Amino acid sequence: MLVLGHDGRVTSRNDPYLTGPAITPAPMGLRRARAAQVAAAAATKRAPQRTVLSELARLQRTSAIDATTYRADTASYRAALTEEKHLSGTRRTELTAVTETMHNIAASGQLTASRLPALFATLAANRQWWANGTLLSYGQRVEIAGSQVVWEYYPGQGIQLQVLGTFSKADALYTAGAASYPQMEQVLAEMIPLGAQRGGGLTWEYYFSFDGGSPPWTSAMSQATALEALARAYQATRNSYYLNVASRAMPIFSKPPPSGVNVPTSAGTRFLQYTFAPKLSIINAFLQTLIGLYDFGQVSGNPTAKRLFAQGNAEAQAEVPQFDTGAWSLYQPGVEDPLDYHELVTGFLAQLCTRTGAPVYCTTAQHFTSDLTTPPVLTQLTTQAKTGHSFALRFRLSKISHVGIAVRRGSSTVLYTSASFPYGVDHFTVPALRTPGTYSVTLNGTDLAGNHAGVTGTLAVRR
């Protein structure tokens, strides 16, 4: 974790309360992101459009914000535009991306009064960082001295509010014990005002383009983690304020996308990872959402939380077996988890097993735990070929692995290479063999957990 100090110096700090992956896929490429920005900018030129400044003036005129807020936000935005001119290179690009995003939100009519705190906090953080901080690498998380809020760097979009990471930090501080409760309360004191009105309730949104989605969007997983953090804060302090805030954050779980995250199914309800992707099913996000709903419902007795958990729990129990290949976990249908996500989803299943006792959670958690020590299974499928033509030597693989191949005839090696493959049937391309006869084939696979297995076979080559 990098922290930007009051003196403008950046220091590195080990933060034990920020652990685990972000639990989100890689953002859309910079080329796609820039193309989207160019398209949006072109659209704004076709006719007179709303701007950040004109929308702020409208909000004051309609009494949605007061004069003090209007003056402060107008000055902040103007200062950022001026700051851009004094920066160069990456620093200018990143700060400009943030002001462009704010402009696009305003131009689309989505610059509401409730979104101003989060948007202008993001603007302020980026002004500070790009004027004084170091350059960053993709996904690097940072903090500003005096604040507990976690920011994450997305190249071409500046540093952005890491909603999931910040509420997860609050959760971890609760787990750390009573000595950490004041810090946990500080995290929540900063985050609660950054929620916006969405779907009839309080929602912590994301204000950057991600995986094809445009801001503002939100996630059931980050929202449910907020519920859990607020429930923990109540347990720590017995201050009912936290439960009241959490109750205000419930509506999006009952609303369909794009405003909410609720997708009814024949079994119950699926809660979405992204409001902009109603057909995308990511199992770890779904399970973490259920944990947040369950814990809040148990602590608060909130009947809506309990009902929504029951609906989601029914759907998750129906879906979980589809994410078990028999040798590894799937992130989404057809796509295997990387190692950290495999371990993550295993932990979520174990937590749900403890909370509900549902056999499918318990059994699948056991399967995934076993997968961590089980070597991959390789099967050679191609055993014959003809001389004079390159060909595909096909094999079946049980789990995502790095696979090496060696094809030899006597002491002569005709192919020696390796590559990474997902589970299923795949192949190596063997160059044309000129000499008929029997060749030996050795396939070796190492899975993501470091388990190794090999298989040796033969290849009959005829003219």
Protein backbone atom coordinates (compact mmCIF):
# COMPACT_ATOMS: atom_id res chain seq x y z
CA MET A 1 0.00 0.00 0.00
CA LEU A 2 1.32 3.45 -0.96
CA VAL A 3 0.34 6.44 1.18
CA LEU A 4 0.60 10.06 0.05
CA GLY A 5 1.63 12.16 3.06
CA HIS A 6 0.75 15.74 3.94
CA ASP A 7 4.29 16.75 2.95
CA GLY A 8 3.81 15.36 -0.56
CA ARG A 9 6.06 12.36 0.07
CA VAL A 10 4.91 8.86 -0.82
CA THR A 11 5.71 6.06 1.61
CA SER A 12 5.11 2.32 1.45
CA ARG A 13 3.15 0.71 4.27
CA ASN A 14 2.14 -2.86 4.92
CA ASP A 15 -1.59 -2.77 5.66
CA PRO A 16 -2.67 -6.11 7.17
CA TYR A 17 -6.32 -5.16 6.76
CA LEU A 18 -6.12 -5.19 2.96
CA THR A 19 -5.90 -8.79 1.91
CA GLY A 20 -7.12 -10.94 -0.96
CA PRO A 21 -7.85 -10.06 -4.57
CA ALA A 22 -10.20 -7.35 -5.73
CA ILE A 23 -12.52 -10.10 -6.96
CA THR A 24 -13.12 -8.44 -10.25
CA PRO A 25 -11.97 -9.27 -13.76
CA ALA A 26 -9.45 -7.17 -15.63
CA PRO A 27 -10.89 -3.87 -16.87
CA MET A 28 -11.47 -3.30 -20.55
CA GLY A 29 -8.29 -2.47 -22.45
CA LEU A 30 -7.04 1.05 -22.71
CA ARG A 31 -7.75 1.07 -26.43
CA ARG A 32 -11.42 0.22 -25.83
CA ALA A 33 -11.62 2.67 -22.95
CA ARG A 34 -10.16 5.47 -25.02
CA ALA A 35 -12.47 4.62 -27.94
CA ALA A 36 -15.44 4.87 -25.59
CA GLN A 37 -14.21 8.26 -24.36
CA VAL A 38 -13.74 9.51 -27.93
CA ALA A 39 -17.22 8.30 -28.89
CA ALA A 40 -18.73 10.00 -25.86
CA ALA A 41 -16.85 13.19 -26.61
CA ALA A 42 -18.04 13.10 -30.22
CA ALA A 43 -21.63 12.64 -29.07
CA THR A 44 -21.39 15.69 -26.83
CA LYS A 45 -20.37 17.85 -29.80
CA ARG A 46 -23.50 17.17 -31.83
CA ALA A 47 -25.66 19.48 -29.76
CA PRO A 48 -25.37 21.75 -26.74
CA GLN A 49 -24.78 19.49 -23.78
CA ARG A 50 -24.86 19.67 -20.04
CA THR A 51 -21.51 20.28 -18.37
CA VAL A 52 -20.30 19.81 -14.83
CA LEU A 53 -20.49 23.55 -14.21
CA SER A 54 -23.91 23.98 -15.78
CA GLU A 55 -25.27 21.02 -13.80
CA LEU A 56 -23.87 22.38 -10.56
CA ALA A 57 -25.60 25.66 -11.31
CA ARG A 58 -28.85 23.80 -12.02
CA LEU A 59 -28.59 21.86 -8.76
CA GLN A 60 -28.17 25.08 -6.81
CA ARG A 61 -30.95 26.81 -8.72
CA THR A 62 -33.37 23.98 -7.87
CA SER A 63 -32.19 23.93 -4.23
CA ALA A 64 -30.78 20.41 -4.59
CA ILE A 65 -27.52 21.77 -3.16
CA ASP A 66 -26.82 24.87 -1.12
CA ALA A 67 -24.69 27.85 -2.11
CA THR A 68 -21.72 26.69 -0.05
CA THR A 69 -21.60 23.31 -1.78
CA TYR A 70 -22.04 24.98 -5.16
CA ARG A 71 -19.14 27.37 -4.61
CA ALA A 72 -16.84 24.69 -3.20
CA ASP A 73 -17.51 22.16 -5.98
CA THR A 74 -17.30 24.74 -8.74
CA ALA A 75 -13.97 25.97 -7.39
CA SER A 76 -12.68 22.39 -7.08
CA TYR A 77 -13.59 21.51 -10.65
CA ARG A 78 -12.10 24.72 -12.05
CA ALA A 79 -8.93 24.14 -10.04
CA ALA A 80 -8.63 20.60 -11.47
CA LEU A 81 -8.95 21.94 -15.02
CA THR A 82 -6.23 24.47 -14.26
CA GLU A 83 -4.06 21.77 -12.65
CA GLU A 84 -4.26 19.69 -15.82
CA LYS A 85 -2.50 22.45 -17.76
CA HIS A 86 0.40 22.45 -15.29
CA LEU A 87 0.92 18.68 -15.50
CA SER A 88 2.38 16.64 -18.32
CA GLY A 89 2.62 13.04 -19.49
CA THR A 90 0.92 10.38 -17.44
CA ARG A 91 0.02 12.78 -14.63
CA ARG A 92 -1.92 15.01 -16.98
CA THR A 93 -3.53 12.05 -18.74
CA GLU A 94 -4.81 10.54 -15.50
CA LEU A 95 -6.23 13.75 -14.03
CA THR A 96 -7.80 14.64 -17.37
CA ALA A 97 -9.46 11.22 -17.51
CA VAL A 98 -11.17 11.92 -14.18
CA THR A 99 -12.50 15.33 -15.25
CA GLU A 100 -13.65 13.82 -18.56
CA THR A 101 -15.55 11.11 -16.70
CA MET A 102 -17.25 13.74 -14.57
CA HIS A 103 -18.15 15.65 -17.73
CA ASN A 104 -19.64 12.55 -19.34
CA ILE A 105 -21.71 11.81 -16.23
CA ALA A 106 -22.97 15.39 -16.28
CA ALA A 107 -23.65 15.31 -20.02
CA SER A 108 -25.76 12.15 -19.61
CA GLY A 109 -27.89 13.83 -16.94
CA GLN A 110 -26.59 11.63 -14.12
CA LEU A 111 -24.80 14.27 -12.05
CA THR A 112 -27.16 14.20 -9.09
CA ALA A 113 -26.70 15.94 -5.77
CA SER A 114 -26.14 12.66 -3.93
CA ARG A 115 -23.27 11.70 -6.26
CA LEU A 116 -21.32 14.91 -5.68
CA PRO A 117 -19.53 13.81 -2.47
CA ALA A 118 -18.02 10.69 -4.06
CA LEU A 119 -17.21 12.35 -7.37
CA PHE A 120 -15.54 15.35 -5.81
CA ALA A 121 -13.69 13.17 -3.30
CA THR A 122 -12.35 11.24 -6.30
CA LEU A 123 -11.40 14.48 -8.02
CA ALA A 124 -9.60 15.75 -4.91
CA ALA A 125 -7.70 12.49 -4.43
CA ASN A 126 -6.54 12.54 -8.04
CA ARG A 127 -5.48 16.18 -7.86
CA GLN A 128 -3.35 15.39 -4.81
CA TRP A 129 -1.90 12.19 -6.18
CA TRP A 130 -0.96 13.32 -9.67
CA ALA A 131 0.47 16.59 -8.43
CA ASN A 132 2.58 15.02 -5.65
CA GLY A 133 2.48 11.22 -5.75
CA THR A 134 4.55 8.66 -7.60
CA LEU A 135 3.54 6.99 -10.85
CA LEU A 136 1.66 3.76 -10.27
CA SER A 137 1.26 0.33 -11.80
CA TYR A 138 -2.09 -1.22 -12.72
CA GLY A 139 -4.19 -2.26 -9.73
CA GLN A 140 -1.95 -0.60 -7.16
CA ARG A 141 -3.88 0.50 -4.08
CA VAL A 142 -3.12 3.78 -2.36
CA GLU A 143 -4.30 5.97 0.49
CA ILE A 144 -4.06 9.67 1.28
CA ALA A 145 -2.58 10.61 4.68
CA GLY A 146 -5.28 11.30 7.25
CA SER A 147 -7.85 9.17 5.45
CA GLN A 148 -8.80 5.51 5.70
CA VAL A 149 -10.37 5.33 2.22
CA VAL A 150 -8.74 2.91 -0.22
CA TRP A 151 -8.13 3.97 -3.83
CA GLU A 152 -7.07 1.79 -6.74
CA TYR A 153 -5.23 2.77 -9.91
CA TYR A 154 -6.80 1.99 -13.28
CA PRO A 155 -4.45 3.20 -16.05
CA GLY A 156 -6.11 5.84 -18.17
CA GLN A 157 -8.77 6.48 -15.52
CA GLY A 158 -6.81 7.71 -12.52
CA ILE A 159 -7.16 6.41 -8.98
CA GLN A 160 -10.70 5.33 -8.18
CA LEU A 161 -12.67 4.69 -5.01
CA GLN A 162 -12.24 1.01 -4.11
CA VAL A 163 -15.62 0.44 -2.49
CA LEU A 164 -15.16 -3.28 -1.92
CA GLY A 165 -11.62 -2.85 -0.63
CA THR A 166 -12.57 -0.10 1.82
CA PHE A 167 -15.55 -1.92 3.32
CA SER A 168 -13.49 -5.13 3.47
CA LYS A 169 -10.91 -3.14 5.43
CA ALA A 170 -13.63 -2.15 7.91
CA ASP A 171 -14.58 -5.83 8.25
CA ALA A 172 -10.97 -6.80 8.89
CA LEU A 173 -10.59 -4.10 11.53
CA TYR A 174 -13.60 -5.55 13.37
CA THR A 175 -12.03 -9.00 13.26
CA ALA A 176 -8.76 -7.57 14.60
CA GLY A 177 -10.43 -6.77 17.91
CA ALA A 178 -11.52 -3.91 20.15
CA ALA A 179 -8.27 -1.96 19.79
CA SER A 180 -9.06 -1.53 16.07
CA TYR A 181 -12.68 -0.45 16.51
CA PRO A 182 -11.94 3.30 16.43
CA GLN A 183 -10.14 2.89 13.12
CA MET A 184 -13.08 0.84 11.81
CA GLU A 185 -15.44 3.63 12.80
CA GLN A 186 -13.24 6.15 10.99
CA VAL A 187 -13.44 4.05 7.81
CA LEU A 188 -17.23 4.04 7.99
CA ALA A 189 -17.43 7.71 8.94
CA GLU A 190 -15.67 8.51 5.67
CA MET A 191 -17.50 5.99 3.50
CA ILE A 192 -21.11 6.48 4.58
CA PRO A 193 -21.32 10.04 3.15
CA LEU A 194 -19.95 8.78 -0.18
CA GLY A 195 -23.07 6.71 -0.86
CA ALA A 196 -25.48 7.95 -3.53
CA GLN A 197 -29.21 7.59 -4.07
CA ARG A 198 -29.83 4.73 -6.50
CA GLY A 199 -32.80 2.43 -6.91
CA GLY A 200 -34.61 4.09 -4.05
CA GLY A 201 -31.87 3.65 -1.48
CA LEU A 202 -28.31 4.37 -0.44
CA THR A 203 -25.74 2.81 -2.78
CA TRP A 204 -21.97 2.99 -3.02
CA GLU A 205 -21.23 3.33 -6.72
CA TYR A 206 -18.22 3.06 -9.01
CA TYR A 207 -17.40 6.03 -11.22
CA PHE A 208 -15.15 4.61 -13.94
CA SER A 209 -15.49 2.43 -17.03
CA PHE A 210 -14.98 -1.24 -16.32
CA ASP A 211 -15.23 -4.43 -18.38
CA GLY A 212 -17.53 -2.76 -20.90
CA GLY A 213 -19.67 -0.90 -18.36
CA SER A 214 -19.90 2.87 -18.07
CA PRO A 215 -20.24 4.81 -14.83
CA PRO A 216 -22.06 5.08 -12.59
CA TRP A 217 -22.55 1.39 -11.82
CA THR A 218 -22.56 -0.76 -8.72
CA SER A 219 -22.13 -4.34 -7.52
CA ALA A 220 -24.12 -6.62 -5.25
CA MET A 221 -20.86 -7.87 -3.79
CA SER A 222 -19.51 -4.48 -2.70
CA GLN A 223 -22.95 -3.41 -1.44
CA ALA A 224 -23.34 -6.60 0.61
CA THR A 225 -19.84 -6.16 2.03
CA ALA A 226 -20.97 -2.70 3.15
CA LEU A 227 -23.93 -4.32 4.91
CA GLU A 228 -21.62 -6.74 6.66
CA ALA A 229 -19.23 -3.97 7.75
CA LEU A 230 -22.12 -1.91 9.11
CA ALA A 231 -23.48 -4.93 10.99
CA ARG A 232 -20.03 -5.53 12.49
CA ALA A 233 -19.82 -1.88 13.54
CA TYR A 234 -23.13 -2.27 15.35
CA GLN A 235 -21.85 -5.38 17.11
CA ALA A 236 -18.75 -3.49 18.16
CA THR A 237 -20.45 -0.30 19.36
CA ARG A 238 -24.14 -1.13 19.85
CA ASN A 239 -24.83 2.09 17.98
CA SER A 240 -28.10 1.55 16.05
CA TYR A 241 -27.04 4.25 13.58
CA TYR A 242 -25.07 1.63 11.67
CA LEU A 243 -28.08 -0.66 11.29
CA ASN A 244 -30.20 2.28 10.13
CA VAL A 245 -27.64 3.09 7.43
CA ALA A 246 -27.54 -0.56 6.36
CA SER A 247 -31.35 -0.65 6.13
CA ARG A 248 -31.20 2.35 3.79
CA ALA A 249 -28.75 0.38 1.63
CA MET A 250 -31.14 -2.55 1.06
CA PRO A 251 -33.33 -1.37 -1.88
CA ILE A 252 -30.97 -2.24 -4.76
CA PHE A 253 -31.13 -5.92 -3.74
CA SER A 254 -34.82 -5.89 -4.67
CA LYS A 255 -34.50 -3.84 -7.87
CA PRO A 256 -33.70 -5.22 -11.33
CA PRO A 257 -30.73 -3.96 -13.34
CA PRO A 258 -29.55 -1.50 -14.40
CA SER A 259 -30.54 0.36 -11.21
CA GLY A 260 -30.40 -2.73 -9.00
CA VAL A 261 -28.83 -6.18 -8.79
CA ASN A 262 -31.83 -8.53 -8.54
CA VAL A 263 -32.45 -11.08 -11.32
CA PRO A 264 -35.33 -13.49 -10.58
CA THR A 265 -34.79 -17.15 -11.55
CA SER A 266 -36.88 -20.30 -11.45
CA ALA A 267 -35.15 -21.30 -8.21
CA GLY A 268 -34.95 -17.92 -6.48
CA THR A 269 -32.82 -14.85 -7.17
CA ARG A 270 -29.36 -14.23 -8.60
CA PHE A 271 -27.56 -11.13 -7.33
CA LEU A 272 -25.37 -9.47 -9.93
CA GLN A 273 -21.72 -8.64 -9.75
CA TYR A 274 -22.29 -5.69 -12.12
CA THR A 275 -25.48 -3.75 -12.74
CA PHE A 276 -24.44 -3.36 -16.39
CA ALA A 277 -24.07 -7.11 -17.01
CA PRO A 278 -27.37 -8.86 -16.15
CA LYS A 279 -26.41 -12.13 -17.89
CA LEU A 280 -22.99 -12.50 -16.30
CA SER A 281 -22.77 -15.06 -13.49
CA ILE A 282 -19.68 -14.89 -11.25
CA ILE A 283 -19.99 -17.41 -8.47
CA ASN A 284 -17.55 -15.97 -5.93
CA ALA A 285 -19.31 -12.60 -6.09
CA PHE A 286 -22.71 -14.25 -5.67
CA LEU A 287 -21.53 -16.20 -2.62
CA GLN A 288 -19.93 -13.19 -0.98
CA THR A 289 -23.15 -11.25 -1.52
CA LEU A 290 -25.07 -13.98 0.29
CA ILE A 291 -22.66 -13.90 3.23
CA GLY A 292 -23.20 -10.15 3.62
CA LEU A 293 -26.99 -10.47 3.44
CA TYR A 294 -27.00 -13.38 5.88
CA ASP A 295 -24.82 -11.67 8.44
CA PHE A 296 -26.74 -8.41 8.30
CA GLY A 297 -30.04 -10.26 8.57
CA GLN A 298 -28.84 -12.24 11.59
CA VAL A 299 -27.45 -9.22 13.43
CA SER A 300 -30.31 -6.84 12.65
CA GLY A 301 -33.28 -9.19 12.34
CA ASN A 302 -34.15 -7.27 9.16
CA PRO A 303 -36.92 -9.35 7.47
CA THR A 304 -36.09 -8.07 3.99
CA ALA A 305 -32.46 -9.14 4.32
CA LYS A 306 -33.56 -12.58 5.52
CA ARG A 307 -36.05 -12.96 2.66
CA LEU A 308 -33.51 -11.88 0.04
CA PHE A 309 -30.90 -14.21 1.49
CA ALA A 310 -33.35 -17.13 1.30
CA GLN A 311 -34.11 -16.37 -2.35
CA GLY A 312 -30.44 -16.03 -3.25
CA ASN A 313 -29.47 -19.07 -1.23
CA ALA A 314 -31.93 -21.24 -3.16
CA GLU A 315 -30.48 -20.09 -6.49
CA ALA A 316 -26.87 -20.42 -5.35
CA GLN A 317 -27.39 -24.01 -4.19
CA ALA A 318 -28.74 -24.80 -7.65
CA GLU A 319 -25.83 -23.05 -9.39
CA VAL A 320 -22.79 -24.09 -7.33
CA PRO A 321 -22.42 -27.61 -8.84
CA GLN A 322 -22.15 -26.01 -12.30
CA PHE A 323 -18.97 -24.25 -11.18
CA ASP A 324 -17.20 -27.47 -10.18
CA THR A 325 -15.38 -29.08 -13.12
CA GLY A 326 -14.46 -32.08 -10.98
CA ALA A 327 -10.86 -30.88 -10.83
CA TRP A 328 -11.03 -27.09 -10.28
CA SER A 329 -13.43 -24.18 -9.79
CA LEU A 330 -14.90 -21.95 -12.46
CA TYR A 331 -14.91 -18.16 -12.16
CA GLN A 332 -17.83 -17.94 -14.54
CA PRO A 333 -19.27 -20.62 -16.84
CA GLY A 334 -16.46 -22.10 -18.93
CA VAL A 335 -13.70 -19.96 -17.36
CA GLU A 336 -11.51 -21.46 -14.64
CA ASP A 337 -10.43 -19.52 -11.58
CA PRO A 338 -6.86 -18.37 -11.07
CA LEU A 339 -5.33 -19.77 -7.90
CA ASP A 340 -6.25 -16.87 -5.59
CA TYR A 341 -9.87 -16.90 -6.73
CA HIS A 342 -10.04 -20.69 -6.33
CA GLU A 343 -8.91 -20.27 -2.73
CA LEU A 344 -11.30 -17.36 -2.29
CA VAL A 345 -14.39 -19.22 -3.49
CA THR A 346 -13.39 -22.21 -1.38
CA GLY A 347 -13.39 -19.95 1.66
CA PHE A 348 -16.79 -18.49 0.80
CA LEU A 349 -18.27 -21.97 0.41
CA ALA A 350 -16.83 -22.98 3.77
CA GLN A 351 -18.39 -19.90 5.39
CA LEU A 352 -21.80 -20.68 3.89
CA CYS A 353 -21.42 -24.30 4.97
CA THR A 354 -20.90 -23.09 8.54
CA ARG A 355 -23.79 -20.63 8.37
CA THR A 356 -26.39 -22.82 6.65
CA GLY A 357 -25.19 -26.42 6.82
CA ALA A 358 -26.30 -26.87 3.20
CA PRO A 359 -24.61 -30.04 1.86
CA VAL A 360 -23.82 -28.52 -1.54
CA TYR A 361 -21.70 -25.79 0.06
CA CYS A 362 -19.92 -28.19 2.38
CA THR A 363 -19.24 -30.83 -0.28
CA THR A 364 -18.06 -28.37 -2.92
CA ALA A 365 -15.75 -26.67 -0.43
CA GLN A 366 -14.24 -30.10 0.28
CA HIS A 367 -13.85 -30.77 -3.45
CA PHE A 368 -12.10 -27.47 -4.05
CA THR A 369 -9.81 -28.01 -1.07
CA SER A 370 -8.84 -31.40 -2.45
CA ASP A 371 -8.21 -29.86 -5.87
CA LEU A 372 -5.39 -27.82 -4.36
CA THR A 373 -3.32 -30.97 -3.84
CA THR A 374 -4.53 -33.12 -6.74
CA PRO A 375 -2.28 -33.24 -9.84
CA PRO A 376 -3.75 -32.58 -13.29
CA VAL A 377 -4.75 -35.52 -15.46
CA LEU A 378 -3.40 -35.58 -19.02
CA THR A 379 -4.57 -37.93 -21.75
CA GLN A 380 -2.95 -38.13 -25.19
CA LEU A 381 -5.68 -38.31 -27.84
CA THR A 382 -3.71 -38.24 -31.12
CA THR A 383 -1.75 -41.45 -31.67
CA GLN A 384 -1.37 -41.54 -35.47
CA ALA A 385 -0.15 -39.13 -38.14
CA LYS A 386 1.15 -39.05 -41.70
CA THR A 387 4.51 -37.84 -42.95
CA GLY A 388 4.82 -34.62 -44.88
CA HIS A 389 2.09 -32.66 -43.11
CA SER A 390 1.99 -30.65 -39.91
CA PHE A 391 -0.77 -31.81 -37.60
CA ALA A 392 -2.50 -31.18 -34.28
CA LEU A 393 -1.47 -33.50 -31.49
CA ARG A 394 -4.58 -33.41 -29.32
CA PHE A 395 -4.76 -34.08 -25.60
CA ARG A 396 -7.30 -33.80 -22.80
CA LEU A 397 -6.49 -31.86 -19.64
CA SER A 398 -8.45 -32.04 -16.37
CA LYS A 399 -7.63 -28.56 -15.01
CA ILE A 400 -5.93 -25.34 -16.02
CA SER A 401 -2.19 -26.05 -16.20
CA HIS A 402 1.07 -25.24 -17.90
CA VAL A 403 1.69 -28.16 -20.26
CA GLY A 404 4.98 -29.20 -21.82
CA ILE A 405 5.41 -31.62 -24.71
CA ALA A 406 8.37 -33.53 -26.09
CA VAL A 407 8.13 -35.60 -29.29
CA ARG A 408 11.19 -37.75 -29.97
CA ARG A 409 12.38 -40.48 -32.33
CA GLY A 410 15.29 -42.25 -30.79
CA SER A 411 17.79 -39.63 -29.66
CA SER A 412 16.33 -36.97 -31.96
CA THR A 413 13.85 -34.42 -30.55
CA VAL A 414 11.42 -33.12 -33.17
CA LEU A 415 9.28 -30.97 -30.87
CA TYR A 416 9.93 -29.51 -27.43
CA THR A 417 7.71 -26.67 -26.22
CA SER A 418 5.17 -25.66 -23.60
CA ALA A 419 2.16 -23.39 -23.08
CA SER A 420 -0.71 -22.80 -20.67
CA PHE A 421 -4.09 -24.37 -21.37
CA PRO A 422 -7.56 -24.42 -19.75
CA TYR A 423 -9.32 -27.66 -18.93
CA GLY A 424 -10.76 -29.69 -21.80
CA VAL A 425 -9.36 -30.79 -25.16
CA ASP A 426 -6.54 -28.82 -26.75
CA HIS A 427 -3.51 -29.45 -28.93
CA PHE A 428 0.06 -28.68 -29.86
CA THR A 429 0.89 -28.21 -33.54
CA VAL A 430 3.59 -30.67 -34.60
CA PRO A 431 5.66 -29.72 -37.67
CA ALA A 432 5.70 -32.07 -40.65
CA LEU A 433 7.57 -35.31 -39.92
CA ARG A 434 9.53 -36.79 -42.81
CA THR A 435 10.44 -40.16 -41.37
CA PRO A 436 7.82 -42.83 -40.74
CA GLY A 437 7.99 -44.92 -37.61
CA THR A 438 7.17 -44.83 -33.94
CA TYR A 439 7.79 -41.64 -31.97
CA SER A 440 7.61 -41.18 -28.21
CA VAL A 441 5.38 -38.47 -26.80
CA THR A 442 5.79 -37.06 -23.30
CA LEU A 443 3.24 -34.63 -21.85
CA ASN A 444 3.86 -32.93 -18.53
CA GLY A 445 1.42 -30.64 -16.73
CA THR A 446 1.77 -28.37 -13.69
CA ASP A 447 -1.40 -26.86 -12.29
CA LEU A 448 -1.77 -23.45 -10.64
CA ALA A 449 -1.11 -24.91 -7.19
CA GLY A 450 2.16 -26.48 -8.35
CA ASN A 451 0.94 -30.08 -8.61
CA HIS A 452 2.73 -31.98 -11.37
CA ALA A 453 1.81 -34.99 -13.50
CA GLY A 454 3.14 -36.54 -16.68
CA VAL A 455 2.11 -39.12 -19.24
CA THR A 456 4.14 -40.92 -21.90
CA GLY A 457 2.70 -42.36 -25.09
CA THR A 458 3.58 -43.17 -28.66
CA LEU A 459 2.81 -41.71 -32.06
CA ALA A 460 2.67 -43.96 -35.13
CA VAL A 461 3.72 -42.03 -38.24
CA ARG A 462 2.97 -43.52 -41.68
CA ARG A 463 3.67 -42.33 -45.20
